[in-house]
Amino acid sequence: MAVKLLMTWDIISGREQEYFEFVVRDFLPRMQQLGLEPSDAWLTMYGNQPQIMVSAQMSSLADLEGTINSAEWVSLVNELLDYVENYSYKVVQARAGFQT
């Protein structure tokens, strides 16, 4: 059964340009190298919600757990934390459309 990794965060004020460069140049390509397939990216324009939500899909829960527990993933998330705050994630069963 396919699963999705749902991640949310807020960009640190004043780091927006660096953040976007990091996400395009490093974060997304390295996610894909680890087997995570990005499926959605959302920006909150209004309201008291996380600023960014990104989801990535993987074919099985076991594969996803192996990936998010790997040293490579932990290192990548630690690099992301240089640009964001309030990072959180959860794993859900994949289905079409927007998921929270």
C-alpha atoms as a PDB file:
ATOM      1  CA  MET A   1       0.000   0.000   0.000  1.00  0.00           C
ATOM      2  CA  ALA A   2       1.390   3.400  -0.989  1.00  0.00           C
ATOM      3  CA  VAL A   3       2.000   5.955   1.751  1.00  0.00           C
ATOM      4  CA  LYS A   4       2.621   9.684   1.860  1.00  0.00           C
ATOM      5  CA  LEU A   5       5.009  11.640   4.018  1.00  0.00           C
ATOM      6  CA  LEU A   6       3.327  14.965   4.857  1.00  0.00           C
ATOM      7  CA  MET A   7       5.752  17.643   6.023  1.00  0.00           C
ATOM      8  CA  THR A   8       4.983  21.161   7.203  1.00  0.00           C
ATOM      9  CA  TRP A   9       7.132  24.115   8.220  1.00  0.00           C
ATOM     10  CA  ASP A  10       7.523  27.878   8.266  1.00  0.00           C
ATOM     11  CA  ILE A  11      10.350  29.639   6.444  1.00  0.00           C
ATOM     12  CA  ILE A  12      12.594  31.623   8.787  1.00  0.00           C
ATOM     13  CA  SER A  13      12.015  35.328   8.166  1.00  0.00           C
ATOM     14  CA  GLY A  14      14.815  36.824   6.096  1.00  0.00           C
ATOM     15  CA  ARG A  15      15.976  33.440   4.730  1.00  0.00           C
ATOM     16  CA  GLU A  16      13.390  33.103   1.951  1.00  0.00           C
ATOM     17  CA  GLN A  17      15.788  33.402  -1.010  1.00  0.00           C
ATOM     18  CA  GLU A  18      18.295  30.972   0.492  1.00  0.00           C
ATOM     19  CA  TYR A  19      15.468  28.607   1.396  1.00  0.00           C
ATOM     20  CA  PHE A  20      14.072  28.465  -2.136  1.00  0.00           C
ATOM     21  CA  GLU A  21      17.561  27.942  -3.597  1.00  0.00           C
ATOM     22  CA  PHE A  22      18.204  25.094  -1.146  1.00  0.00           C
ATOM     23  CA  VAL A  23      14.861  23.406  -1.848  1.00  0.00           C
ATOM     24  CA  VAL A  24      15.290  23.500  -5.631  1.00  0.00           C
ATOM     25  CA  ARG A  25      19.026  22.760  -5.737  1.00  0.00           C
ATOM     26  CA  ASP A  26      19.374  20.225  -2.916  1.00  0.00           C
ATOM     27  CA  PHE A  27      16.286  19.192  -0.967  1.00  0.00           C
ATOM     28  CA  LEU A  28      14.000  17.954  -3.751  1.00  0.00           C
ATOM     29  CA  PRO A  29      16.712  16.179  -5.795  1.00  0.00           C
ATOM     30  CA  ARG A  30      18.075  14.434  -2.701  1.00  0.00           C
ATOM     31  CA  MET A  31      14.553  13.392  -1.640  1.00  0.00           C
ATOM     32  CA  GLN A  32      14.151  11.761  -5.028  1.00  0.00           C
ATOM     33  CA  GLN A  33      17.543  10.046  -4.746  1.00  0.00           C
ATOM     34  CA  LEU A  34      16.296   8.504  -1.505  1.00  0.00           C
ATOM     35  CA  GLY A  35      13.231   7.122  -3.301  1.00  0.00           C
ATOM     36  CA  LEU A  36      10.669   9.699  -2.158  1.00  0.00           C
ATOM     37  CA  GLU A  37       8.527  10.959  -5.009  1.00  0.00           C
ATOM     38  CA  PRO A  38       7.327  14.541  -4.389  1.00  0.00           C
ATOM     39  CA  SER A  39       3.608  14.761  -5.080  1.00  0.00           C
ATOM     40  CA  ASP A  40       2.344  18.092  -3.712  1.00  0.00           C
ATOM     41  CA  ALA A  41       3.615  21.420  -2.438  1.00  0.00           C
ATOM     42  CA  TRP A  42       1.335  24.020  -0.864  1.00  0.00           C
ATOM     43  CA  LEU A  43       1.900  27.572   0.335  1.00  0.00           C
ATOM     44  CA  THR A  44      -0.451  29.041   2.928  1.00  0.00           C
ATOM     45  CA  MET A  45      -1.325  32.606   1.968  1.00  0.00           C
ATOM     46  CA  TYR A  46      -3.777  33.342   4.765  1.00  0.00           C
ATOM     47  CA  GLY A  47      -4.611  31.888   8.159  1.00  0.00           C
ATOM     48  CA  ASN A  48      -2.922  30.376  11.151  1.00  0.00           C
ATOM     49  CA  GLN A  49      -1.457  27.277   9.477  1.00  0.00           C
ATOM     50  CA  PRO A  50       2.070  26.195   8.579  1.00  0.00           C
ATOM     51  CA  GLN A  51       3.433  28.272   5.725  1.00  0.00           C
ATOM     52  CA  ILE A  52       4.591  25.295   3.644  1.00  0.00           C
ATOM     53  CA  MET A  53       3.244  21.773   3.209  1.00  0.00           C
ATOM     54  CA  VAL A  54       5.084  19.253   1.065  1.00  0.00           C
ATOM     55  CA  SER A  55       4.094  15.658   0.463  1.00  0.00           C
ATOM     56  CA  ALA A  56       6.079  12.812  -1.013  1.00  0.00           C
ATOM     57  CA  GLN A  57       4.917   9.322  -1.829  1.00  0.00           C
ATOM     58  CA  MET A  58       6.543   5.931  -1.441  1.00  0.00           C
ATOM     59  CA  SER A  59       5.320   2.460  -2.356  1.00  0.00           C
ATOM     60  CA  SER A  60       5.256   0.974   1.156  1.00  0.00           C
ATOM     61  CA  LEU A  61       5.345   1.920   4.823  1.00  0.00           C
ATOM     62  CA  ALA A  62       8.408  -0.273   5.389  1.00  0.00           C
ATOM     63  CA  ASP A  63      10.334   1.525   2.624  1.00  0.00           C
ATOM     64  CA  LEU A  64       9.312   4.934   3.960  1.00  0.00           C
ATOM     65  CA  GLU A  65      10.290   4.071   7.527  1.00  0.00           C
ATOM     66  CA  GLY A  66      13.666   2.844   6.288  1.00  0.00           C
ATOM     67  CA  THR A  67      14.185   6.102   4.419  1.00  0.00           C
ATOM     68  CA  ILE A  68      13.173   8.521   7.177  1.00  0.00           C
ATOM     69  CA  ASN A  69      15.310   6.610   9.690  1.00  0.00           C
ATOM     70  CA  SER A  70      18.389   6.711   7.431  1.00  0.00           C
ATOM     71  CA  ALA A  71      21.407   8.892   8.154  1.00  0.00           C
ATOM     72  CA  GLU A  72      20.995  10.537   4.725  1.00  0.00           C
ATOM     73  CA  TRP A  73      17.420  11.660   5.497  1.00  0.00           C
ATOM     74  CA  VAL A  74      18.306  12.889   8.990  1.00  0.00           C
ATOM     75  CA  SER A  75      21.168  14.908   7.493  1.00  0.00           C
ATOM     76  CA  LEU A  76      18.903  16.379   4.806  1.00  0.00           C
ATOM     77  CA  VAL A  77      16.262  17.417   7.345  1.00  0.00           C
ATOM     78  CA  ASN A  78      18.968  18.977   9.531  1.00  0.00           C
ATOM     79  CA  GLU A  79      20.069  21.061   6.542  1.00  0.00           C
ATOM     80  CA  LEU A  80      16.449  22.105   5.940  1.00  0.00           C
ATOM     81  CA  LEU A  81      16.267  23.266   9.556  1.00  0.00           C
ATOM     82  CA  ASP A  82      18.846  25.954   8.721  1.00  0.00           C
ATOM     83  CA  TYR A  83      16.092  27.665   6.720  1.00  0.00           C
ATOM     84  CA  VAL A  84      12.839  26.668   8.441  1.00  0.00           C
ATOM     85  CA  GLU A  85      11.205  26.407  11.850  1.00  0.00           C
ATOM     86  CA  ASN A  86       8.214  24.502  13.223  1.00  0.00           C
ATOM     87  CA  TYR A  87       9.077  21.465  11.095  1.00  0.00           C
ATOM     88  CA  SER A  88       6.790  18.495  11.585  1.00  0.00           C
ATOM     89  CA  TYR A  89       5.785  15.432   9.633  1.00  0.00           C
ATOM     90  CA  LYS A  90       3.353  12.554   9.626  1.00  0.00           C
ATOM     91  CA  VAL A  91       2.770   9.475   7.520  1.00  0.00           C
ATOM     92  CA  VAL A  92      -0.628   8.696   6.007  1.00  0.00           C
ATOM     93  CA  GLN A  93      -2.066   6.185   3.573  1.00  0.00           C
ATOM     94  CA  ALA A  94      -1.754   7.718   0.099  1.00  0.00           C
ATOM     95  CA  ARG A  95      -4.849   8.813  -1.736  1.00  0.00           C
ATOM     96  CA  ALA A  96      -5.461  11.281  -4.522  1.00  0.00           C
ATOM     97  CA  GLY A  97      -5.751  14.988  -3.818  1.00  0.00           C
ATOM     98  CA  PHE A  98      -4.917  17.218  -0.906  1.00  0.00           C
ATOM     99  CA  GLN A  99      -4.284  15.391   2.379  1.00  0.00           C
ATOM    100  CA  THR A 100      -3.715  16.744   5.869  1.00  0.00           C
END
